[in-house]
Amino acid sequence: MSLTAENFYETLNTFRVLTKQIDSIDLDTFMRVFGDDEAGVERNIVYVFRTAKPIPRLRGESDVVYIGETKGTFKQRYLKNAQRFTSKLNSMKYQHVIDTYGPIRITLALYSDFGDSSEQAEARLLWKYFQNHCEHPPFNYTKPKISDMDQ
């Protein structure tokens, strides 16, 4: 299936969902989710953080709060940085999202389903999100290069 703005959420629903969810902002929770064996299976992936309830966006609503990529496994990417998620800034952000929209689940898929590189795949997912909502997911700070987007 080719990724389009119209089938964006249907496509995200085919991603593998990690069993453990981010349901509180303490370090133990992040370590439990990021360090779980099932987070260390696939390499060369794109991943999406999704809430239990949708969040209002400029256009429509979405349960997607972050889209990312890694050449390693999700566990390799995040376990060593779990402490950062408990910083004052991140604690405020994650606590509000969890309190208002429910726990955050992590979903992942091989990047090769969406692009020739993990960066291109991430950019395509971000672009399809943008086409649906006229903005990027709330936790994404980077913007894809125009050359990485399929128009």
Foldseek 3Di string as FASTA:
>chain_A
DADALVCLVVVQVVFAWQPQWAQAQDLVSLLCRLVDPVQQDDFQKKKWKFFQAWDDFQAGTGRTQDIGTGRGGSSVVPNVPSVVCNPPVNNVVQVVCCVPGNIIIMTMDHLVVQDPHRLLSSQQSQVSVCVRGVDGRNVDDDHHDPVSYDD
